[in-house]
Amino acid sequence: MRCKFCGREMIKVVTPFRRPVKGEMLEVKDIEVYRCPGCGATFFPNETIKHVGRKTGERLLKVAKERGRIRDEKEHLRKMREKAMKDIEDAIRNGEIKKREDAPFKIFT
């Protein structure tokens, strides 16, 4: 893979990923990224982005539980699904989304 900034060949490296999330420092250890030895640009592959996203979501749920905002994770996820369904139904009613008549109305997560 070539760097889009300087054109050099990028190398795959394993590095930790650190970002603040809701006042807590999130660290995902050992993620694979491509780094340019010339200019230092970093490229995150899609699978790395998905992995970091999952870990961020897990951390957010953990922090919310610790702070007493969520007692039951399954109940929280059920409520979130219901809210998403209601938002979609409202958008269809308002004409923002058009539903095909022959398509089943389901949300896949």
PDB file of N, CA and C in Angstrom:
ATOM      1  N   MET A   1       0.847  -1.166   0.000  1.00  0.00           N
ATOM      2  CA  MET A   1       0.000   0.000   0.000  1.00  0.00           C
ATOM      3  C   MET A   1       0.901   1.240   0.000  1.00  0.00           C
ATOM      4  N   ARG A   2       0.567   2.179  -0.853  1.00  0.00           N
ATOM      5  CA  ARG A   2       1.360   3.402  -0.975  1.00  0.00           C
ATOM      6  C   ARG A   2       0.695   4.551  -0.219  1.00  0.00           C
ATOM      7  N   CYS A   3       1.529   5.418   0.331  1.00  0.00           N
ATOM      8  CA  CYS A   3       1.052   6.602   1.045  1.00  0.00           C
ATOM      9  C   CYS A   3       0.444   7.573   0.027  1.00  0.00           C
ATOM     10  N   LYS A   4      -0.749   8.084   0.320  1.00  0.00           N
ATOM     11  CA  LYS A   4      -1.393   8.999  -0.626  1.00  0.00           C
ATOM     12  C   LYS A   4      -0.814  10.408  -0.546  1.00  0.00           C
ATOM     13  N   PHE A   5       0.032  10.672   0.461  1.00  0.00           N
ATOM     14  CA  PHE A   5       0.624  11.991   0.606  1.00  0.00           C
ATOM     15  C   PHE A   5       1.997  12.098  -0.036  1.00  0.00           C
ATOM     16  N   CYS A   6       2.871  11.085   0.234  1.00  0.00           N
ATOM     17  CA  CYS A   6       4.242  11.200  -0.291  1.00  0.00           C
ATOM     18  C   CYS A   6       4.601  10.085  -1.276  1.00  0.00           C
ATOM     19  N   GLY A   7       3.761   9.055  -1.403  1.00  0.00           N
ATOM     20  CA  GLY A   7       3.987   8.001  -2.381  1.00  0.00           C
ATOM     21  C   GLY A   7       4.881   6.861  -1.929  1.00  0.00           C
ATOM     22  N   ARG A   8       5.407   6.912  -0.722  1.00  0.00           N
ATOM     23  CA  ARG A   8       6.248   5.825  -0.227  1.00  0.00           C
ATOM     24  C   ARG A   8       5.405   4.601   0.144  1.00  0.00           C
ATOM     25  N   GLU A   9       6.081   3.462   0.221  1.00  0.00           N
ATOM     26  CA  GLU A   9       5.411   2.222   0.619  1.00  0.00           C
ATOM     27  C   GLU A   9       5.152   2.263   2.136  1.00  0.00           C
ATOM     28  N   MET A  10       3.894   2.011   2.538  1.00  0.00           N
ATOM     29  CA  MET A  10       3.538   2.030   3.956  1.00  0.00           C
ATOM     30  C   MET A  10       3.834   0.664   4.576  1.00  0.00           C
ATOM     31  N   ILE A  11       4.159   0.675   5.871  1.00  0.00           N
ATOM     32  CA  ILE A  11       4.444  -0.575   6.567  1.00  0.00           C
ATOM     33  C   ILE A  11       3.347  -0.843   7.607  1.00  0.00           C
ATOM     34  N   LYS A  12       3.017  -2.125   7.770  1.00  0.00           N
ATOM     35  CA  LYS A  12       2.026  -2.513   8.765  1.00  0.00           C
ATOM     36  C   LYS A  12       2.710  -2.562  10.130  1.00  0.00           C
ATOM     37  N   VAL A  13       2.139  -1.839  11.098  1.00  0.00           N
ATOM     38  CA  VAL A  13       2.677  -1.825  12.454  1.00  0.00           C
ATOM     39  C   VAL A  13       1.554  -2.119  13.449  1.00  0.00           C
ATOM     40  N   VAL A  14       1.928  -2.604  14.605  1.00  0.00           N
ATOM     41  CA  VAL A  14       0.975  -2.864  15.685  1.00  0.00           C
ATOM     42  C   VAL A  14       1.211  -1.804  16.754  1.00  0.00           C
ATOM     43  N   THR A  15       0.142  -1.109  17.132  1.00  0.00           N
ATOM     44  CA  THR A  15       0.261   0.010  18.053  1.00  0.00           C
ATOM     45  C   THR A  15      -0.974   0.090  18.941  1.00  0.00           C
ATOM     46  N   PRO A  16      -0.877   0.691  20.114  1.00  0.00           N
ATOM     47  CA  PRO A  16      -2.095   0.908  20.912  1.00  0.00           C
ATOM     48  C   PRO A  16      -2.870   2.108  20.378  1.00  0.00           C
ATOM     49  N   PHE A  17      -4.163   2.119  20.609  1.00  0.00           N
ATOM     50  CA  PHE A  17      -5.039   3.215  20.195  1.00  0.00           C
ATOM     51  C   PHE A  17      -5.615   3.835  21.468  1.00  0.00           C
ATOM     52  N   ARG A  18      -5.391   5.112  21.687  1.00  0.00           N
ATOM     53  CA  ARG A  18      -5.872   5.789  22.896  1.00  0.00           C
ATOM     54  C   ARG A  18      -6.716   7.003  22.504  1.00  0.00           C
ATOM     55  N   ARG A  19      -7.915   7.080  23.092  1.00  0.00           N
ATOM     56  CA  ARG A  19      -8.794   8.220  22.869  1.00  0.00           C
ATOM     57  C   ARG A  19      -9.653   8.440  24.112  1.00  0.00           C
ATOM     58  N   PRO A  20      -9.953   9.706  24.450  1.00  0.00           N
ATOM     59  CA  PRO A  20     -10.876   9.950  25.571  1.00  0.00           C
ATOM     60  C   PRO A  20     -12.312   9.658  25.134  1.00  0.00           C
ATOM     61  N   VAL A  21     -13.043   8.933  25.968  1.00  0.00           N
ATOM     62  CA  VAL A  21     -14.443   8.597  25.698  1.00  0.00           C
ATOM     63  C   VAL A  21     -15.234   8.872  26.972  1.00  0.00           C
ATOM     64  N   LYS A  22     -16.129   9.840  26.921  1.00  0.00           N
ATOM     65  CA  LYS A  22     -16.975  10.199  28.057  1.00  0.00           C
ATOM     66  C   LYS A  22     -16.160  10.432  29.335  1.00  0.00           C
ATOM     67  N   GLY A  23     -15.070  11.145  29.234  1.00  0.00           N
ATOM     68  CA  GLY A  23     -14.260  11.464  30.394  1.00  0.00           C
ATOM     69  C   GLY A  23     -13.320  10.367  30.852  1.00  0.00           C
ATOM     70  N   GLU A  24     -13.320   9.245  30.161  1.00  0.00           N
ATOM     71  CA  GLU A  24     -12.439   8.130  30.494  1.00  0.00           C
ATOM     72  C   GLU A  24     -11.480   7.918  29.324  1.00  0.00           C
ATOM     73  N   MET A  25     -10.258   7.484  29.606  1.00  0.00           N
ATOM     74  CA  MET A  25      -9.302   7.200  28.535  1.00  0.00           C
ATOM     75  C   MET A  25      -9.509   5.765  28.053  1.00  0.00           C
ATOM     76  N   LEU A  26      -9.855   5.616  26.791  1.00  0.00           N
ATOM     77  CA  LEU A  26     -10.043   4.301  26.183  1.00  0.00           C
ATOM     78  C   LEU A  26      -8.737   3.887  25.526  1.00  0.00           C
ATOM     79  N   GLU A  27      -8.287   2.678  25.823  1.00  0.00           N
ATOM     80  CA  GLU A  27      -7.089   2.160  25.167  1.00  0.00           C
ATOM     81  C   GLU A  27      -7.408   0.791  24.595  1.00  0.00           C
ATOM     82  N   VAL A  28      -7.226   0.669  23.292  1.00  0.00           N
ATOM     83  CA  VAL A  28      -7.366  -0.623  22.619  1.00  0.00           C
ATOM     84  C   VAL A  28      -5.958  -1.050  22.248  1.00  0.00           C
ATOM     85  N   LYS A  29      -5.527  -2.155  22.837  1.00  0.00           N
ATOM     86  CA  LYS A  29      -4.143  -2.596  22.631  1.00  0.00           C
ATOM     87  C   LYS A  29      -4.017  -3.378  21.332  1.00  0.00           C
ATOM     88  N   ASP A  30      -2.846  -3.309  20.754  1.00  0.00           N
ATOM     89  CA  ASP A  30      -2.451  -4.137  19.617  1.00  0.00           C
ATOM     90  C   ASP A  30      -3.387  -4.048  18.417  1.00  0.00           C
ATOM     91  N   ILE A  31      -3.572  -2.833  17.886  1.00  0.00           N
ATOM     92  CA  ILE A  31      -4.321  -2.717  16.639  1.00  0.00           C
ATOM     93  C   ILE A  31      -3.328  -2.588  15.488  1.00  0.00           C
ATOM     94  N   GLU A  32      -3.729  -3.120  14.338  1.00  0.00           N
ATOM     95  CA  GLU A  32      -2.864  -3.067  13.160  1.00  0.00           C
ATOM     96  C   GLU A  32      -3.229  -1.860  12.309  1.00  0.00           C
ATOM     97  N   VAL A  33      -2.214  -1.051  12.007  1.00  0.00           N
ATOM     98  CA  VAL A  33      -2.396   0.111  11.140  1.00  0.00           C
ATOM     99  C   VAL A  33      -1.252   0.133  10.137  1.00  0.00           C
ATOM    100  N   TYR A  34      -1.425   0.920   9.085  1.00  0.00           N
ATOM    101  CA  TYR A  34      -0.346   1.133   8.118  1.00  0.00           C
ATOM    102  C   TYR A  34       0.230   2.508   8.387  1.00  0.00           C
ATOM    103  N   ARG A  35       1.561   2.595   8.504  1.00  0.00           N
ATOM    104  CA  ARG A  35       2.224   3.861   8.786  1.00  0.00           C
ATOM    105  C   ARG A  35       3.287   4.118   7.723  1.00  0.00           C
ATOM    106  N   CYS A  36       3.364   5.366   7.281  1.00  0.00           N
ATOM    107  CA  CYS A  36       4.352   5.766   6.279  1.00  0.00           C
ATOM    108  C   CYS A  36       5.660   6.127   6.984  1.00  0.00           C
ATOM    109  N   PRO A  37       6.770   5.493   6.585  1.00  0.00           N
ATOM    110  CA  PRO A  37       8.047   5.827   7.219  1.00  0.00           C
ATOM    111  C   PRO A  37       8.554   7.215   6.806  1.00  0.00           C
ATOM    112  N   GLY A  38       8.036   7.753   5.711  1.00  0.00           N
ATOM    113  CA  GLY A  38       8.496   9.053   5.234  1.00  0.00           C
ATOM    114  C   GLY A  38       7.831  10.214   5.941  1.00  0.00           C
ATOM    115  N   CYS A  39       6.512  10.298   5.826  1.00  0.00           N
ATOM    116  CA  CYS A  39       5.805  11.465   6.381  1.00  0.00           C
ATOM    117  C   CYS A  39       5.072  11.152   7.686  1.00  0.00           C
ATOM    118  N   GLY A  40       4.984   9.865   8.060  1.00  0.00           N
ATOM    119  CA  GLY A  40       4.337   9.503   9.321  1.00  0.00           C
ATOM    120  C   GLY A  40       2.830   9.375   9.246  1.00  0.00           C
ATOM    121  N   ALA A  41       2.256   9.468   8.039  1.00  0.00           N
ATOM    122  CA  ALA A  41       0.807   9.321   7.892  1.00  0.00           C
ATOM    123  C   ALA A  41       0.378   7.925   8.331  1.00  0.00           C
ATOM    124  N   THR A  42      -0.826   7.837   8.902  1.00  0.00           N
ATOM    125  CA  THR A  42      -1.346   6.564   9.391  1.00  0.00           C
ATOM    126  C   THR A  42      -2.654   6.261   8.679  1.00  0.00           C
ATOM    127  N   PHE A  43      -2.828   5.003   8.268  1.00  0.00           N
ATOM    128  CA  PHE A  43      -4.049   4.545   7.623  1.00  0.00           C
ATOM    129  C   PHE A  43      -4.630   3.419   8.461  1.00  0.00           C
ATOM    130  N   PHE A  44      -5.921   3.529   8.807  1.00  0.00           N
ATOM    131  CA  PHE A  44      -6.621   2.499   9.574  1.00  0.00           C
ATOM    132  C   PHE A  44      -7.456   1.649   8.628  1.00  0.00           C
ATOM    133  N   PRO A  45      -7.165   0.339   8.506  1.00  0.00           N
ATOM    134  CA  PRO A  45      -7.997  -0.533   7.672  1.00  0.00           C
ATOM    135  C   PRO A  45      -9.419  -0.648   8.242  1.00  0.00           C
ATOM    136  N   ASN A  46     -10.376  -1.025   7.399  1.00  0.00           N
ATOM    137  CA  ASN A  46     -11.780  -1.126   7.823  1.00  0.00           C
ATOM    138  C   ASN A  46     -11.960  -2.045   9.024  1.00  0.00           C
ATOM    139  N   GLU A  47     -11.299  -3.218   9.018  1.00  0.00           N
ATOM    140  CA  GLU A  47     -11.485  -4.142  10.135  1.00  0.00           C
ATOM    141  C   GLU A  47     -10.965  -3.548  11.442  1.00  0.00           C
ATOM    142  N   THR A  48      -9.928  -2.725  11.375  1.00  0.00           N
ATOM    143  CA  THR A  48      -9.404  -2.053  12.569  1.00  0.00           C
ATOM    144  C   THR A  48     -10.413  -1.032  13.080  1.00  0.00           C
ATOM    145  N   ILE A  49     -11.022  -0.288  12.177  1.00  0.00           N
ATOM    146  CA  ILE A  49     -12.022   0.713  12.565  1.00  0.00           C
ATOM    147  C   ILE A  49     -13.217   0.034  13.237  1.00  0.00           C
ATOM    148  N   LYS A  50     -13.664  -1.087  12.685  1.00  0.00           N
ATOM    149  CA  LYS A  50     -14.785  -1.814  13.289  1.00  0.00           C
ATOM    150  C   LYS A  50     -14.417  -2.330  14.671  1.00  0.00           C
ATOM    151  N   HIS A  51     -13.193  -2.855  14.814  1.00  0.00           N
ATOM    152  CA  HIS A  51     -12.734  -3.379  16.102  1.00  0.00           C
ATOM    153  C   HIS A  51     -12.706  -2.267  17.151  1.00  0.00           C
ATOM    154  N   VAL A  52     -12.156  -1.117  16.801  1.00  0.00           N
ATOM    155  CA  VAL A  52     -12.090   0.016  17.731  1.00  0.00           C
ATOM    156  C   VAL A  52     -13.509   0.489  18.073  1.00  0.00           C
ATOM    157  N   GLY A  53     -14.407   0.497  17.098  1.00  0.00           N
ATOM    158  CA  GLY A  53     -15.802   0.889  17.342  1.00  0.00           C
ATOM    159  C   GLY A  53     -16.490  -0.032  18.332  1.00  0.00           C
ATOM    160  N   ARG A  54     -16.265  -1.349  18.183  1.00  0.00           N
ATOM    161  CA  ARG A  54     -16.851  -2.317  19.132  1.00  0.00           C
ATOM    162  C   ARG A  54     -16.312  -2.088  20.533  1.00  0.00           C
ATOM    163  N   LYS A  55     -14.997  -1.908  20.637  1.00  0.00           N
ATOM    164  CA  LYS A  55     -14.385  -1.694  21.947  1.00  0.00           C
ATOM    165  C   LYS A  55     -14.876  -0.381  22.579  1.00  0.00           C
ATOM    166  N   THR A  56     -15.067   0.652  21.769  1.00  0.00           N
ATOM    167  CA  THR A  56     -15.583   1.920  22.274  1.00  0.00           C
ATOM    168  C   THR A  56     -16.995   1.740  22.808  1.00  0.00           C
ATOM    169  N   GLY A  57     -17.833   1.035  22.059  1.00  0.00           N
ATOM    170  CA  GLY A  57     -19.208   0.764  22.498  1.00  0.00           C
ATOM    171  C   GLY A  57     -19.239  -0.031  23.794  1.00  0.00           C
ATOM    172  N   GLU A  58     -18.374  -1.042  23.899  1.00  0.00           N
ATOM    173  CA  GLU A  58     -18.305  -1.833  25.127  1.00  0.00           C
ATOM    174  C   GLU A  58     -17.912  -0.948  26.308  1.00  0.00           C
ATOM    175  N   ARG A  59     -16.950  -0.059  26.081  1.00  0.00           N
ATOM    176  CA  ARG A  59     -16.488   0.826  27.150  1.00  0.00           C
ATOM    177  C   ARG A  59     -17.581   1.806  27.564  1.00  0.00           C
ATOM    178  N   LEU A  60     -18.321   2.331  26.598  1.00  0.00           N
ATOM    179  CA  LEU A  60     -19.410   3.254  26.921  1.00  0.00           C
ATOM    180  C   LEU A  60     -20.472   2.570  27.777  1.00  0.00           C
ATOM    181  N   LEU A  61     -20.815   1.320  27.422  1.00  0.00           N
ATOM    182  CA  LEU A  61     -21.784   0.572  28.223  1.00  0.00           C
ATOM    183  C   LEU A  61     -21.259   0.329  29.637  1.00  0.00           C
ATOM    184  N   LYS A  62     -19.987  -0.016  29.743  1.00  0.00           N
ATOM    185  CA  LYS A  62     -19.391  -0.279  31.055  1.00  0.00           C
ATOM    186  C   LYS A  62     -19.419   0.982  31.924  1.00  0.00           C
ATOM    187  N   VAL A  63     -19.042   2.122  31.351  1.00  0.00           N
ATOM    188  CA  VAL A  63     -19.042   3.378  32.093  1.00  0.00           C
ATOM    189  C   VAL A  63     -20.464   3.749  32.509  1.00  0.00           C
ATOM    190  N   ALA A  64     -21.428   3.568  31.611  1.00  0.00           N
ATOM    191  CA  ALA A  64     -22.822   3.880  31.935  1.00  0.00           C
ATOM    192  C   ALA A  64     -23.331   2.990  33.070  1.00  0.00           C
ATOM    193  N   LYS A  65     -22.944   1.711  33.057  1.00  0.00           N
ATOM    194  CA  LYS A  65     -23.341   0.815  34.153  1.00  0.00           C
ATOM    195  C   LYS A  65     -22.713   1.246  35.464  1.00  0.00           C
ATOM    196  N   GLU A  66     -21.413   1.572  35.421  1.00  0.00           N
ATOM    197  CA  GLU A  66     -20.710   1.995  36.635  1.00  0.00           C
ATOM    198  C   GLU A  66     -21.321   3.257  37.226  1.00  0.00           C
ATOM    199  N   ARG A  67     -21.791   4.143  36.389  1.00  0.00           N
ATOM    200  CA  ARG A  67     -22.364   5.410  36.859  1.00  0.00           C
ATOM    201  C   ARG A  67     -23.850   5.294  37.173  1.00  0.00           C
ATOM    202  N   GLY A  68     -24.396   4.076  37.033  1.00  0.00           N
ATOM    203  CA  GLY A  68     -25.796   3.844  37.383  1.00  0.00           C
ATOM    204  C   GLY A  68     -26.793   4.310  36.348  1.00  0.00           C
ATOM    205  N   ARG A  69     -26.344   4.583  35.142  1.00  0.00           N
ATOM    206  CA  ARG A  69     -27.262   5.034  34.091  1.00  0.00           C
ATOM    207  C   ARG A  69     -27.980   3.870  33.426  1.00  0.00           C
ATOM    208  N   ILE A  70     -27.349   2.704  33.448  1.00  0.00           N
ATOM    209  CA  ILE A  70     -27.948   1.505  32.851  1.00  0.00           C
ATOM    210  C   ILE A  70     -27.841   0.391  33.883  1.00  0.00           C
ATOM    211  N   ARG A  71     -28.965  -0.230  34.189  1.00  0.00           N
ATOM    212  CA  ARG A  71     -28.933  -1.348  35.134  1.00  0.00           C
ATOM    213  C   ARG A  71     -28.858  -2.680  34.402  1.00  0.00           C
ATOM    214  N   ASP A  72     -29.651  -2.793  33.357  1.00  0.00           N
ATOM    215  CA  ASP A  72     -29.717  -4.049  32.626  1.00  0.00           C
ATOM    216  C   ASP A  72     -29.371  -3.792  31.160  1.00  0.00           C
ATOM    217  N   GLU A  73     -28.268  -4.369  30.710  1.00  0.00           N
ATOM    218  CA  GLU A  73     -27.789  -4.119  29.348  1.00  0.00           C
ATOM    219  C   GLU A  73     -28.788  -4.608  28.297  1.00  0.00           C
ATOM    220  N   LYS A  74     -29.364  -5.787  28.502  1.00  0.00           N
ATOM    221  CA  LYS A  74     -30.329  -6.322  27.527  1.00  0.00           C
ATOM    222  C   LYS A  74     -31.551  -5.417  27.428  1.00  0.00           C
ATOM    223  N   GLU A  75     -32.020  -4.931  28.569  1.00  0.00           N
ATOM    224  CA  GLU A  75     -33.170  -4.029  28.570  1.00  0.00           C
ATOM    225  C   GLU A  75     -32.828  -2.725  27.848  1.00  0.00           C
ATOM    226  N   HIS A  76     -31.626  -2.225  28.068  1.00  0.00           N
ATOM    227  CA  HIS A  76     -31.183  -1.000  27.394  1.00  0.00           C
ATOM    228  C   HIS A  76     -31.157  -1.198  25.880  1.00  0.00           C
ATOM    229  N   LEU A  77     -30.591  -2.318  25.420  1.00  0.00           N
ATOM    230  CA  LEU A  77     -30.521  -2.585  23.980  1.00  0.00           C
ATOM    231  C   LEU A  77     -31.917  -2.749  23.380  1.00  0.00           C
ATOM    232  N   ARG A  78     -32.827  -3.384  24.127  1.00  0.00           N
ATOM    233  CA  ARG A  78     -34.205  -3.544  23.656  1.00  0.00           C
ATOM    234  C   ARG A  78     -34.861  -2.174  23.484  1.00  0.00           C
ATOM    235  N   LYS A  79     -34.660  -1.284  24.456  1.00  0.00           N
ATOM    236  CA  LYS A  79     -35.231   0.061  24.367  1.00  0.00           C
ATOM    237  C   LYS A  79     -34.654   0.841  23.189  1.00  0.00           C
ATOM    238  N   MET A  80     -33.345   0.690  22.957  1.00  0.00           N
ATOM    239  CA  MET A  80     -32.715   1.371  21.832  1.00  0.00           C
ATOM    240  C   MET A  80     -33.300   0.877  20.509  1.00  0.00           C
ATOM    241  N   ARG A  81     -33.528  -0.437  20.390  1.00  0.00           N
ATOM    242  CA  ARG A  81     -34.133  -1.004  19.172  1.00  0.00           C
ATOM    243  C   ARG A  81     -35.538  -0.468  18.973  1.00  0.00           C
ATOM    244  N   GLU A  82     -36.329  -0.420  20.066  1.00  0.00           N
ATOM    245  CA  GLU A  82     -37.692   0.114  19.977  1.00  0.00           C
ATOM    246  C   GLU A  82     -37.679   1.581  19.543  1.00  0.00           C
ATOM    247  N   LYS A  83     -36.742   2.352  20.087  1.00  0.00           N
ATOM    248  CA  LYS A  83     -36.638   3.767  19.718  1.00  0.00           C
ATOM    249  C   LYS A  83     -36.290   3.908  18.238  1.00  0.00           C
ATOM    250  N   ALA A  84     -35.371   3.075  17.751  1.00  0.00           N
ATOM    251  CA  ALA A  84     -35.001   3.125  16.338  1.00  0.00           C
ATOM    252  C   ALA A  84     -36.206   2.779  15.464  1.00  0.00           C
ATOM    253  N   MET A  85     -36.969   1.761  15.857  1.00  0.00           N
ATOM    254  CA  MET A  85     -38.163   1.373  15.085  1.00  0.00           C
ATOM    255  C   MET A  85     -39.167   2.529  15.054  1.00  0.00           C
ATOM    256  N   LYS A  86     -39.377   3.172  16.210  1.00  0.00           N
ATOM    257  CA  LYS A  86     -40.323   4.283  16.276  1.00  0.00           C
ATOM    258  C   LYS A  86     -39.848   5.443  15.402  1.00  0.00           C
ATOM    259  N   ASP A  87     -38.555   5.743  15.423  1.00  0.00           N
ATOM    260  CA  ASP A  87     -38.014   6.820  14.593  1.00  0.00           C
ATOM    261  C   ASP A  87     -38.221   6.526  13.106  1.00  0.00           C
ATOM    262  N   ILE A  88     -38.029   5.276  12.702  1.00  0.00           N
ATOM    263  CA  ILE A  88     -38.222   4.892  11.297  1.00  0.00           C
ATOM    264  C   ILE A  88     -39.694   4.984  10.928  1.00  0.00           C
ATOM    265  N   GLU A  89     -40.571   4.488  11.810  1.00  0.00           N
ATOM    266  CA  GLU A  89     -42.012   4.568  11.532  1.00  0.00           C
ATOM    267  C   GLU A  89     -42.465   6.022  11.402  1.00  0.00           C
ATOM    268  N   ASP A  90     -41.950   6.904  12.271  1.00  0.00           N
ATOM    269  CA  ASP A  90     -42.293   8.333  12.183  1.00  0.00           C
ATOM    270  C   ASP A  90     -41.791   8.936  10.872  1.00  0.00           C
ATOM    271  N   ALA A  91     -40.590   8.564  10.456  1.00  0.00           N
ATOM    272  CA  ALA A  91     -40.037   9.080   9.199  1.00  0.00           C
ATOM    273  C   ALA A  91     -40.864   8.611   8.007  1.00  0.00           C
ATOM    274  N   ILE A  92     -41.367   7.378   8.051  1.00  0.00           N
ATOM    275  CA  ILE A  92     -42.229   6.881   6.968  1.00  0.00           C
ATOM    276  C   ILE A  92     -43.533   7.658   6.960  1.00  0.00           C
ATOM    277  N   ARG A  93     -44.135   7.863   8.143  1.00  0.00           N
ATOM    278  CA  ARG A  93     -45.387   8.614   8.236  1.00  0.00           C
ATOM    279  C   ARG A  93     -45.231  10.052   7.728  1.00  0.00           C
ATOM    280  N   ASN A  94     -44.062  10.658   8.002  1.00  0.00           N
ATOM    281  CA  ASN A  94     -43.812  12.040   7.580  1.00  0.00           C
ATOM    282  C   ASN A  94     -43.391  12.144   6.122  1.00  0.00           C
ATOM    283  N   GLY A  95     -43.200  11.010   5.453  1.00  0.00           N
ATOM    284  CA  GLY A  95     -42.812  11.013   4.055  1.00  0.00           C
ATOM    285  C   GLY A  95     -41.325  11.181   3.820  1.00  0.00           C
ATOM    286  N   GLU A  96     -40.520  11.125   4.893  1.00  0.00           N
ATOM    287  CA  GLU A  96     -39.076  11.272   4.747  1.00  0.00           C
ATOM    288  C   GLU A  96     -38.448  10.005   4.164  1.00  0.00           C
ATOM    289  N   ILE A  97     -39.092   8.869   4.436  1.00  0.00           N
ATOM    290  CA  ILE A  97     -38.642   7.576   3.918  1.00  0.00           C
ATOM    291  C   ILE A  97     -39.836   6.927   3.241  1.00  0.00           C
ATOM    292  N   LYS A  98     -39.607   6.353   2.067  1.00  0.00           N
ATOM    293  CA  LYS A  98     -40.673   5.634   1.387  1.00  0.00           C
ATOM    294  C   LYS A  98     -40.421   4.149   1.521  1.00  0.00           C
ATOM    295  N   LYS A  99     -41.443   3.431   1.945  1.00  0.00           N
ATOM    296  CA  LYS A  99     -41.331   1.995   2.147  1.00  0.00           C
ATOM    297  C   LYS A  99     -41.912   1.294   0.932  1.00  0.00           C
ATOM    298  N   ARG A 100     -41.165   0.325   0.427  1.00  0.00           N
ATOM    299  CA  ARG A 100     -41.709  -0.491  -0.655  1.00  0.00           C
ATOM    300  C   ARG A 100     -42.808  -1.364  -0.075  1.00  0.00           C
ATOM    301  N   GLU A 101     -43.888  -1.488  -0.782  1.00  0.00           N
ATOM    302  CA  GLU A 101     -45.031  -2.245  -0.277  1.00  0.00           C
ATOM    303  C   GLU A 101     -44.736  -3.738  -0.143  1.00  0.00           C
ATOM    304  N   ASP A 102     -43.863  -4.282  -1.011  1.00  0.00           N
ATOM    305  CA  ASP A 102     -43.590  -5.712  -0.981  1.00  0.00           C
ATOM    306  C   ASP A 102     -42.445  -6.081  -0.047  1.00  0.00           C
ATOM    307  N   ALA A 103     -41.811  -5.071   0.566  1.00  0.00           N
ATOM    308  CA  ALA A 103     -40.656  -5.351   1.437  1.00  0.00           C
ATOM    309  C   ALA A 103     -41.110  -5.553   2.879  1.00  0.00           C
ATOM    310  N   PRO A 104     -40.562  -6.558   3.553  1.00  0.00           N
ATOM    311  CA  PRO A 104     -40.887  -6.720   4.970  1.00  0.00           C
ATOM    312  C   PRO A 104     -40.281  -5.581   5.777  1.00  0.00           C
ATOM    313  N   PHE A 105     -40.952  -5.163   6.825  1.00  0.00           N
ATOM    314  CA  PHE A 105     -40.460  -4.059   7.640  1.00  0.00           C
ATOM    315  C   PHE A 105     -39.724  -4.621   8.840  1.00  0.00           C
ATOM    316  N   LYS A 106     -38.405  -4.704   8.713  1.00  0.00           N
ATOM    317  CA  LYS A 106     -37.567  -5.217   9.795  1.00  0.00           C
ATOM    318  C   LYS A 106     -36.307  -4.402   9.869  1.00  0.00           C
ATOM    319  N   ILE A 107     -35.724  -4.364  11.044  1.00  0.00           N
ATOM    320  CA  ILE A 107     -34.425  -3.728  11.217  1.00  0.00           C
ATOM    321  C   ILE A 107     -33.457  -4.819  11.594  1.00  0.00           C
ATOM    322  N   PHE A 108     -32.371  -4.912  10.850  1.00  0.00           N
ATOM    323  CA  PHE A 108     -31.347  -5.898  11.145  1.00  0.00           C
ATOM    324  C   PHE A 108     -30.186  -5.195  11.803  1.00  0.00           C
ATOM    325  N   THR A 109     -29.744  -5.706  12.947  1.00  0.00           N
ATOM    326  CA  THR A 109     -28.606  -5.088  13.642  1.00  0.00           C
ATOM    327  C   THR A 109     -27.468  -6.045  13.706  1.00  0.00           C
TER     328      THR A 109
END
